[in-house]
Amino acid sequence: MISTQNQSVQPAAAQPVATPAEARKLAEALIEVMDGLLKLIERETELVRAGQIAEAMRLEGDKTGRTKQYITAITLVRASQPYMAKATPELLATLHRHHEVFRAMLQVNLTVLATAHAVSEGIVRGVNAEVQKRNSPQTYTAYGRPTAPSPRQLTPIAVSRSL
C-alpha cells in the first residue's frame, strides 16, 4: 500500500499490476511520492546551504516516511515492468524520464551534504590542531624548528552532536 499525504493508493499489495488502470495508478503514486520526496530534499538542501543544520535535521522523519513509500512503489514498478513494457510502454517511458530527474536532484543533495560534512570536519580538525598547539610546550629542535607534540601530550577534544 502506498499512502500519500491526503489519499491512499492501493495497487495489489506486493502483486505486479495486471491492468492498464492499475499501471496508471501505480505510476501516479510513484510520481507523487517522488515529487514529495524531492520537495523535502530541496528544502533540506536549502537549509544546509544556509547553515541551518538543526532545521534540516527536523525534516528527517518526513524524509524517512517518504523514502519508505518510494521503496514500496519502486519495488512494485520493478515487479510490474514486464507487463508495463507490453501494455503501457509510454507510461513506463514517462516513469523512466521522471526517475532520471529525481536521481539528478538526489545527486545535487548528496553533493551539498558531502560538502557540508567536509567543511564541518575541516573546522573540527582546525579547532583540534589549535587546542593541541596550545596544550603542547613550545620548544625548538637543535635546528631551530618547532617540535611536534608527542602522542602522550595530545589531548582529545569532545564534540557535542546535539545542536
N, C-alpha and C. Protein backbone atom coordinates (compact mmCIF):
# COMPACT_ATOMS: atom_id res chain seq x y z
N MET A 1 0.84 -1.18 0.00
CA MET A 1 0.00 0.00 0.00
C MET A 1 0.89 1.24 0.00
N ILE A 2 0.58 2.17 -0.88
CA ILE A 2 1.33 3.42 -0.94
C ILE A 2 0.41 4.51 -0.42
N SER A 3 0.80 5.11 0.64
CA SER A 3 0.00 6.13 1.28
C SER A 3 0.64 7.48 1.05
N THR A 4 -0.10 8.42 0.51
CA THR A 4 0.43 9.75 0.32
C THR A 4 -0.26 10.68 1.28
N GLN A 5 0.03 11.98 1.20
CA GLN A 5 -0.47 12.90 2.21
C GLN A 5 -1.98 12.81 2.41
N ASN A 6 -2.78 12.98 1.39
CA ASN A 6 -4.21 13.05 1.59
C ASN A 6 -4.98 11.89 0.97
N GLN A 7 -4.30 11.02 0.29
CA GLN A 7 -5.01 9.93 -0.31
C GLN A 7 -4.22 8.65 -0.18
N SER A 8 -4.88 7.56 -0.39
CA SER A 8 -4.25 6.26 -0.28
C SER A 8 -4.45 5.53 -1.59
N VAL A 9 -3.36 5.13 -2.22
CA VAL A 9 -3.42 4.40 -3.47
C VAL A 9 -3.00 2.98 -3.17
N GLN A 10 -3.81 2.02 -3.61
CA GLN A 10 -3.51 0.63 -3.27
C GLN A 10 -3.41 -0.23 -4.51
N PRO A 11 -2.24 -0.29 -5.16
CA PRO A 11 -2.11 -1.31 -6.17
C PRO A 11 -2.07 -2.64 -5.43
N ALA A 12 -2.37 -3.72 -6.11
CA ALA A 12 -2.39 -5.02 -5.44
C ALA A 12 -1.16 -5.18 -4.58
N ALA A 13 -1.35 -5.38 -3.30
CA ALA A 13 -0.26 -5.41 -2.33
C ALA A 13 0.81 -6.40 -2.74
N ALA A 14 1.97 -5.87 -3.11
CA ALA A 14 3.14 -6.64 -3.50
C ALA A 14 2.88 -7.53 -4.72
N GLN A 15 1.78 -7.32 -5.40
CA GLN A 15 1.47 -8.05 -6.63
C GLN A 15 1.72 -7.14 -7.82
N PRO A 16 2.33 -7.64 -8.87
CA PRO A 16 2.52 -6.81 -10.06
C PRO A 16 1.16 -6.38 -10.62
N VAL A 17 1.14 -5.23 -11.27
CA VAL A 17 -0.11 -4.75 -11.85
C VAL A 17 -0.53 -5.68 -12.98
N ALA A 18 -1.86 -5.72 -13.23
CA ALA A 18 -2.38 -6.63 -14.25
C ALA A 18 -3.26 -5.93 -15.26
N THR A 19 -3.55 -4.65 -15.03
CA THR A 19 -4.39 -3.90 -15.96
C THR A 19 -3.76 -2.53 -16.22
N PRO A 20 -4.11 -1.93 -17.35
CA PRO A 20 -3.60 -0.58 -17.61
C PRO A 20 -4.03 0.43 -16.53
N ALA A 21 -5.21 0.27 -15.97
CA ALA A 21 -5.67 1.19 -14.92
C ALA A 21 -4.81 1.06 -13.68
N GLU A 22 -4.47 -0.17 -13.31
CA GLU A 22 -3.59 -0.39 -12.15
C GLU A 22 -2.20 0.19 -12.42
N ALA A 23 -1.72 0.02 -13.66
CA ALA A 23 -0.40 0.55 -14.03
C ALA A 23 -0.40 2.07 -13.91
N ARG A 24 -1.45 2.72 -14.39
CA ARG A 24 -1.54 4.17 -14.31
C ARG A 24 -1.61 4.63 -12.86
N LYS A 25 -2.38 3.91 -12.04
CA LYS A 25 -2.50 4.25 -10.63
C LYS A 25 -1.14 4.14 -9.93
N LEU A 26 -0.41 3.08 -10.23
CA LEU A 26 0.91 2.87 -9.65
C LEU A 26 1.87 3.97 -10.10
N ALA A 27 1.84 4.30 -11.39
CA ALA A 27 2.72 5.35 -11.91
C ALA A 27 2.41 6.69 -11.26
N GLU A 28 1.13 7.02 -11.12
CA GLU A 28 0.75 8.27 -10.47
C GLU A 28 1.21 8.30 -9.02
N ALA A 29 1.07 7.18 -8.34
CA ALA A 29 1.50 7.11 -6.94
C ALA A 29 3.02 7.29 -6.83
N LEU A 30 3.78 6.64 -7.71
CA LEU A 30 5.24 6.77 -7.68
C LEU A 30 5.66 8.20 -7.97
N ILE A 31 5.04 8.82 -8.97
CA ILE A 31 5.39 10.20 -9.31
C ILE A 31 5.06 11.13 -8.14
N GLU A 32 3.91 10.91 -7.50
CA GLU A 32 3.54 11.75 -6.36
C GLU A 32 4.53 11.58 -5.21
N VAL A 33 4.95 10.35 -4.94
CA VAL A 33 5.91 10.10 -3.87
C VAL A 33 7.25 10.74 -4.21
N MET A 34 7.70 10.59 -5.46
CA MET A 34 8.98 11.20 -5.86
C MET A 34 8.91 12.73 -5.76
N ASP A 35 7.78 13.31 -6.18
CA ASP A 35 7.63 14.77 -6.09
C ASP A 35 7.68 15.23 -4.64
N GLY A 36 6.99 14.52 -3.76
CA GLY A 36 7.01 14.88 -2.33
C GLY A 36 8.39 14.74 -1.73
N LEU A 37 9.08 13.67 -2.09
CA LEU A 37 10.44 13.45 -1.59
C LEU A 37 11.39 14.51 -2.13
N LEU A 38 11.22 14.88 -3.40
CA LEU A 38 12.06 15.93 -3.97
C LEU A 38 11.85 17.28 -3.28
N LYS A 39 10.61 17.59 -2.94
CA LYS A 39 10.35 18.85 -2.23
C LYS A 39 11.06 18.86 -0.88
N LEU A 40 11.00 17.73 -0.18
CA LEU A 40 11.70 17.64 1.11
C LEU A 40 13.21 17.76 0.93
N ILE A 41 13.73 17.10 -0.07
CA ILE A 41 15.17 17.12 -0.31
C ILE A 41 15.63 18.51 -0.74
N GLU A 42 14.84 19.18 -1.58
CA GLU A 42 15.19 20.54 -1.97
C GLU A 42 15.19 21.47 -0.76
N ARG A 43 14.21 21.30 0.11
CA ARG A 43 14.16 22.12 1.33
C ARG A 43 15.37 21.84 2.21
N GLU A 44 15.71 20.55 2.35
CA GLU A 44 16.88 20.18 3.14
C GLU A 44 18.15 20.80 2.55
N THR A 45 18.28 20.75 1.25
CA THR A 45 19.44 21.32 0.57
C THR A 45 19.53 22.82 0.83
N GLU A 46 18.40 23.53 0.73
CA GLU A 46 18.38 24.97 1.00
C GLU A 46 18.82 25.26 2.43
N LEU A 47 18.29 24.48 3.38
CA LEU A 47 18.62 24.71 4.78
C LEU A 47 20.10 24.44 5.06
N VAL A 48 20.64 23.38 4.49
CA VAL A 48 22.05 23.06 4.72
C VAL A 48 22.93 24.13 4.09
N ARG A 49 22.59 24.58 2.90
CA ARG A 49 23.36 25.65 2.26
C ARG A 49 23.34 26.93 3.10
N ALA A 50 22.21 27.16 3.77
CA ALA A 50 22.07 28.36 4.60
C ALA A 50 22.68 28.16 5.99
N GLY A 51 23.18 26.97 6.26
CA GLY A 51 23.80 26.70 7.55
C GLY A 51 22.81 26.40 8.66
N GLN A 52 21.56 26.14 8.31
CA GLN A 52 20.53 25.84 9.30
C GLN A 52 20.40 24.33 9.47
N ILE A 53 21.42 23.74 10.04
CA ILE A 53 21.51 22.29 10.15
C ILE A 53 20.42 21.72 11.06
N ALA A 54 20.16 22.39 12.18
CA ALA A 54 19.14 21.90 13.12
C ALA A 54 17.77 21.83 12.45
N GLU A 55 17.47 22.84 11.67
CA GLU A 55 16.19 22.87 10.95
C GLU A 55 16.15 21.76 9.90
N ALA A 56 17.26 21.54 9.22
CA ALA A 56 17.32 20.47 8.22
C ALA A 56 17.15 19.10 8.86
N MET A 57 17.68 18.93 10.06
CA MET A 57 17.56 17.65 10.74
C MET A 57 16.12 17.34 11.14
N ARG A 58 15.31 18.36 11.31
CA ARG A 58 13.90 18.15 11.67
C ARG A 58 13.11 17.52 10.52
N LEU A 59 13.63 17.59 9.31
CA LEU A 59 12.95 17.01 8.15
C LEU A 59 13.18 15.50 8.06
N GLU A 60 14.05 14.96 8.89
CA GLU A 60 14.46 13.56 8.79
C GLU A 60 13.29 12.58 8.88
N GLY A 61 12.36 12.81 9.81
CA GLY A 61 11.23 11.91 9.97
C GLY A 61 10.35 11.85 8.73
N ASP A 62 10.03 13.03 8.18
CA ASP A 62 9.23 13.08 6.95
C ASP A 62 9.98 12.42 5.80
N LYS A 63 11.28 12.66 5.74
CA LYS A 63 12.08 12.10 4.66
C LYS A 63 12.12 10.57 4.75
N THR A 64 12.21 10.05 5.96
CA THR A 64 12.23 8.60 6.15
C THR A 64 10.90 7.99 5.71
N GLY A 65 9.80 8.62 6.07
CA GLY A 65 8.48 8.11 5.67
C GLY A 65 8.32 8.12 4.16
N ARG A 66 8.70 9.21 3.52
CA ARG A 66 8.61 9.30 2.06
C ARG A 66 9.53 8.29 1.38
N THR A 67 10.69 8.07 1.98
CA THR A 67 11.63 7.11 1.40
C THR A 67 11.04 5.70 1.44
N LYS A 68 10.39 5.34 2.53
CA LYS A 68 9.73 4.03 2.62
C LYS A 68 8.64 3.89 1.56
N GLN A 69 7.87 4.96 1.36
CA GLN A 69 6.84 4.94 0.32
C GLN A 69 7.47 4.77 -1.06
N TYR A 70 8.58 5.46 -1.28
CA TYR A 70 9.28 5.36 -2.55
C TYR A 70 9.77 3.94 -2.79
N ILE A 71 10.35 3.32 -1.78
CA ILE A 71 10.87 1.95 -1.93
C ILE A 71 9.74 0.98 -2.24
N THR A 72 8.60 1.15 -1.56
CA THR A 72 7.45 0.29 -1.83
C THR A 72 6.98 0.45 -3.27
N ALA A 73 6.85 1.70 -3.70
CA ALA A 73 6.36 1.96 -5.05
C ALA A 73 7.34 1.48 -6.12
N ILE A 74 8.62 1.73 -5.92
CA ILE A 74 9.60 1.33 -6.93
C ILE A 74 9.71 -0.19 -7.02
N THR A 75 9.52 -0.87 -5.90
CA THR A 75 9.53 -2.34 -5.89
C THR A 75 8.36 -2.86 -6.71
N LEU A 76 7.19 -2.25 -6.56
CA LEU A 76 6.03 -2.66 -7.36
C LEU A 76 6.22 -2.37 -8.84
N VAL A 77 6.84 -1.24 -9.14
CA VAL A 77 7.09 -0.91 -10.55
C VAL A 77 8.05 -1.93 -11.16
N ARG A 78 9.09 -2.29 -10.42
CA ARG A 78 10.02 -3.30 -10.94
C ARG A 78 9.33 -4.64 -11.17
N ALA A 79 8.47 -5.03 -10.24
CA ALA A 79 7.75 -6.29 -10.39
C ALA A 79 6.77 -6.21 -11.56
N SER A 80 6.28 -5.03 -11.84
CA SER A 80 5.28 -4.84 -12.90
C SER A 80 5.89 -4.46 -14.24
N GLN A 81 7.19 -4.28 -14.29
CA GLN A 81 7.85 -3.78 -15.50
C GLN A 81 7.58 -4.64 -16.75
N PRO A 82 7.63 -5.96 -16.66
CA PRO A 82 7.35 -6.74 -17.88
C PRO A 82 5.95 -6.45 -18.45
N TYR A 83 4.95 -6.40 -17.59
CA TYR A 83 3.60 -6.11 -18.05
C TYR A 83 3.51 -4.69 -18.59
N MET A 84 4.09 -3.73 -17.87
CA MET A 84 4.00 -2.33 -18.28
C MET A 84 4.74 -2.09 -19.61
N ALA A 85 5.81 -2.81 -19.83
CA ALA A 85 6.57 -2.66 -21.08
C ALA A 85 5.72 -3.08 -22.27
N LYS A 86 4.85 -4.07 -22.07
CA LYS A 86 3.98 -4.54 -23.16
C LYS A 86 2.70 -3.72 -23.26
N ALA A 87 2.05 -3.49 -22.12
CA ALA A 87 0.72 -2.87 -22.13
C ALA A 87 0.76 -1.34 -22.14
N THR A 88 1.71 -0.75 -21.43
CA THR A 88 1.75 0.72 -21.31
C THR A 88 3.19 1.22 -21.46
N PRO A 89 3.80 1.02 -22.63
CA PRO A 89 5.20 1.42 -22.80
C PRO A 89 5.42 2.93 -22.64
N GLU A 90 4.45 3.75 -23.07
CA GLU A 90 4.60 5.20 -22.94
C GLU A 90 4.60 5.62 -21.47
N LEU A 91 3.81 4.95 -20.68
CA LEU A 91 3.76 5.22 -19.24
C LEU A 91 5.09 4.85 -18.59
N LEU A 92 5.63 3.73 -18.97
CA LEU A 92 6.93 3.28 -18.44
C LEU A 92 8.03 4.25 -18.86
N ALA A 93 7.99 4.74 -20.08
CA ALA A 93 8.98 5.72 -20.56
C ALA A 93 8.87 7.02 -19.75
N THR A 94 7.65 7.45 -19.47
CA THR A 94 7.44 8.65 -18.65
C THR A 94 8.02 8.45 -17.26
N LEU A 95 7.79 7.28 -16.67
CA LEU A 95 8.36 6.98 -15.35
C LEU A 95 9.88 7.01 -15.38
N HIS A 96 10.48 6.48 -16.43
CA HIS A 96 11.95 6.48 -16.55
C HIS A 96 12.47 7.92 -16.62
N ARG A 97 11.82 8.77 -17.42
CA ARG A 97 12.26 10.17 -17.53
C ARG A 97 12.13 10.88 -16.18
N HIS A 98 11.00 10.67 -15.53
CA HIS A 98 10.78 11.31 -14.23
C HIS A 98 11.81 10.82 -13.21
N HIS A 99 12.13 9.56 -13.29
CA HIS A 99 13.09 8.98 -12.35
C HIS A 99 14.49 9.52 -12.60
N GLU A 100 14.85 9.79 -13.83
CA GLU A 100 16.17 10.38 -14.14
C GLU A 100 16.29 11.78 -13.53
N VAL A 101 15.24 12.58 -13.61
CA VAL A 101 15.24 13.90 -12.99
C VAL A 101 15.38 13.75 -11.47
N PHE A 102 14.65 12.79 -10.92
CA PHE A 102 14.70 12.51 -9.49
C PHE A 102 16.12 12.16 -9.07
N ARG A 103 16.78 11.30 -9.80
CA ARG A 103 18.16 10.90 -9.48
C ARG A 103 19.12 12.08 -9.57
N ALA A 104 18.93 12.94 -10.56
CA ALA A 104 19.80 14.11 -10.69
C ALA A 104 19.65 15.05 -9.49
N MET A 105 18.42 15.24 -9.03
CA MET A 105 18.19 16.09 -7.87
C MET A 105 18.77 15.47 -6.60
N LEU A 106 18.68 14.16 -6.49
CA LEU A 106 19.29 13.48 -5.35
C LEU A 106 20.80 13.68 -5.35
N GLN A 107 21.40 13.66 -6.53
CA GLN A 107 22.84 13.84 -6.62
C GLN A 107 23.25 15.23 -6.15
N VAL A 108 22.46 16.24 -6.49
CA VAL A 108 22.74 17.61 -6.02
C VAL A 108 22.69 17.64 -4.50
N ASN A 109 21.65 17.02 -3.93
CA ASN A 109 21.50 16.99 -2.47
C ASN A 109 22.69 16.29 -1.83
N LEU A 110 23.09 15.16 -2.37
CA LEU A 110 24.22 14.42 -1.80
C LEU A 110 25.51 15.23 -1.89
N THR A 111 25.68 15.99 -2.95
CA THR A 111 26.86 16.84 -3.10
C THR A 111 26.87 17.93 -2.03
N VAL A 112 25.72 18.55 -1.80
CA VAL A 112 25.63 19.60 -0.78
C VAL A 112 25.93 19.01 0.60
N LEU A 113 25.35 17.86 0.90
CA LEU A 113 25.58 17.23 2.20
C LEU A 113 27.05 16.82 2.37
N ALA A 114 27.65 16.30 1.31
CA ALA A 114 29.07 15.91 1.40
C ALA A 114 29.95 17.14 1.61
N THR A 115 29.62 18.23 0.95
CA THR A 115 30.38 19.47 1.12
C THR A 115 30.24 19.99 2.55
N ALA A 116 29.02 19.99 3.07
CA ALA A 116 28.81 20.44 4.45
C ALA A 116 29.57 19.56 5.43
N HIS A 117 29.59 18.27 5.16
CA HIS A 117 30.33 17.34 6.03
C HIS A 117 31.82 17.63 5.99
N ALA A 118 32.35 17.83 4.79
CA ALA A 118 33.78 18.11 4.65
C ALA A 118 34.17 19.42 5.32
N VAL A 119 33.32 20.43 5.16
CA VAL A 119 33.61 21.73 5.78
C VAL A 119 33.59 21.60 7.30
N SER A 120 32.57 20.94 7.83
CA SER A 120 32.49 20.81 9.29
C SER A 120 33.64 19.96 9.83
N GLU A 121 34.03 18.94 9.09
CA GLU A 121 35.18 18.12 9.52
C GLU A 121 36.45 18.96 9.51
N GLY A 122 36.61 19.81 8.50
CA GLY A 122 37.77 20.68 8.44
C GLY A 122 37.81 21.66 9.61
N ILE A 123 36.64 22.17 9.98
CA ILE A 123 36.57 23.08 11.13
C ILE A 123 36.97 22.37 12.41
N VAL A 124 36.44 21.17 12.62
CA VAL A 124 36.76 20.41 13.83
C VAL A 124 38.25 20.07 13.86
N ARG A 125 38.81 19.68 12.73
CA ARG A 125 40.24 19.37 12.69
C ARG A 125 41.08 20.62 12.98
N GLY A 126 40.64 21.76 12.46
CA GLY A 126 41.36 23.01 12.72
C GLY A 126 41.30 23.40 14.19
N VAL A 127 40.14 23.25 14.80
CA VAL A 127 40.00 23.54 16.23
C VAL A 127 40.89 22.60 17.02
N ASN A 128 40.88 21.33 16.66
CA ASN A 128 41.71 20.34 17.35
C ASN A 128 43.19 20.70 17.23
N ALA A 129 43.63 21.12 16.05
CA ALA A 129 45.04 21.50 15.87
C ALA A 129 45.39 22.68 16.76
N GLU A 130 44.48 23.65 16.86
CA GLU A 130 44.74 24.81 17.73
C GLU A 130 44.81 24.40 19.19
N VAL A 131 43.91 23.53 19.62
CA VAL A 131 43.91 23.07 21.01
C VAL A 131 45.20 22.33 21.30
N GLN A 132 45.62 21.47 20.38
CA GLN A 132 46.84 20.71 20.59
C GLN A 132 48.06 21.63 20.63
N LYS A 133 48.06 22.64 19.77
CA LYS A 133 49.19 23.59 19.75
C LYS A 133 49.28 24.34 21.07
N ARG A 134 48.14 24.73 21.61
CA ARG A 134 48.13 25.48 22.87
C ARG A 134 48.48 24.60 24.07
N ASN A 135 48.17 23.32 23.99
CA ASN A 135 48.41 22.41 25.11
C ASN A 135 49.82 21.83 25.12
N SER A 136 50.53 21.95 24.03
CA SER A 136 51.88 21.37 23.99
C SER A 136 52.92 22.45 24.28
N PRO A 137 54.02 22.05 24.85
CA PRO A 137 55.07 23.04 25.14
C PRO A 137 55.66 23.59 23.84
N GLN A 138 55.99 24.85 23.85
CA GLN A 138 56.56 25.50 22.67
C GLN A 138 58.09 25.43 22.76
N THR A 139 58.64 24.36 22.25
CA THR A 139 60.09 24.19 22.25
C THR A 139 60.59 24.05 20.83
N TYR A 140 61.92 24.12 20.71
CA TYR A 140 62.53 24.05 19.39
C TYR A 140 63.57 22.94 19.37
N THR A 141 63.78 22.41 18.17
CA THR A 141 64.80 21.39 17.99
C THR A 141 66.17 22.06 17.90
N ALA A 142 67.21 21.25 17.79
CA ALA A 142 68.56 21.79 17.67
C ALA A 142 68.73 22.58 16.37
N TYR A 143 67.82 22.35 15.41
CA TYR A 143 67.91 23.04 14.13
C TYR A 143 67.03 24.28 14.08
N GLY A 144 66.40 24.63 15.20
CA GLY A 144 65.60 25.85 15.28
C GLY A 144 64.17 25.69 14.80
N ARG A 145 63.72 24.48 14.62
CA ARG A 145 62.34 24.23 14.18
C ARG A 145 61.48 23.87 15.39
N PRO A 146 60.19 24.28 15.35
CA PRO A 146 59.31 23.92 16.47
C PRO A 146 59.14 22.39 16.53
N THR A 147 59.04 21.86 17.73
CA THR A 147 58.84 20.42 17.89
C THR A 147 57.37 20.08 17.78
N ALA A 148 57.12 18.88 17.29
CA ALA A 148 55.74 18.38 17.24
C ALA A 148 55.44 17.73 18.58
N PRO A 149 54.22 17.85 19.05
CA PRO A 149 53.90 17.23 20.34
C PRO A 149 53.96 15.70 20.24
N SER A 150 54.37 15.10 21.31
CA SER A 150 54.40 13.63 21.33
C SER A 150 52.99 13.12 21.51
N PRO A 151 52.73 11.89 21.12
CA PRO A 151 51.38 11.34 21.28
C PRO A 151 50.88 11.36 22.72
N ARG A 152 51.76 11.29 23.69
CA ARG A 152 51.33 11.33 25.09
C ARG A 152 50.86 12.72 25.50
N GLN A 153 51.32 13.74 24.79
CA GLN A 153 50.93 15.10 25.12
C GLN A 153 49.60 15.51 24.46
N LEU A 154 49.17 14.75 23.47
CA LEU A 154 47.93 15.09 22.77
C LEU A 154 46.73 14.83 23.66
N THR A 155 45.81 15.77 23.69
CA THR A 155 44.58 15.60 24.47
C THR A 155 43.40 15.62 23.51
N PRO A 156 42.51 14.69 23.64
CA PRO A 156 41.36 14.67 22.72
C PRO A 156 40.39 15.81 23.01
N ILE A 157 39.66 16.19 21.98
CA ILE A 157 38.61 17.18 22.20
C ILE A 157 37.28 16.43 22.14
N ALA A 158 36.31 16.94 22.82
CA ALA A 158 34.97 16.36 22.80
C ALA A 158 34.07 17.26 21.96
N VAL A 159 33.26 16.66 21.13
CA VAL A 159 32.34 17.40 20.28
C VAL A 159 30.94 16.97 20.63
N SER A 160 30.09 17.92 20.95
CA SER A 160 28.70 17.62 21.23
C SER A 160 27.95 17.60 19.90
N ARG A 161 27.25 16.51 19.62
CA ARG A 161 26.50 16.39 18.37
C ARG A 161 25.11 17.00 18.46
N SER A 162 24.69 17.36 19.65
CA SER A 162 23.37 17.99 19.77
C SER A 162 23.50 19.47 19.41
N LEU A 163 22.52 19.95 18.71
CA LEU A 163 22.59 21.34 18.24
C LEU A 163 21.77 22.24 19.12
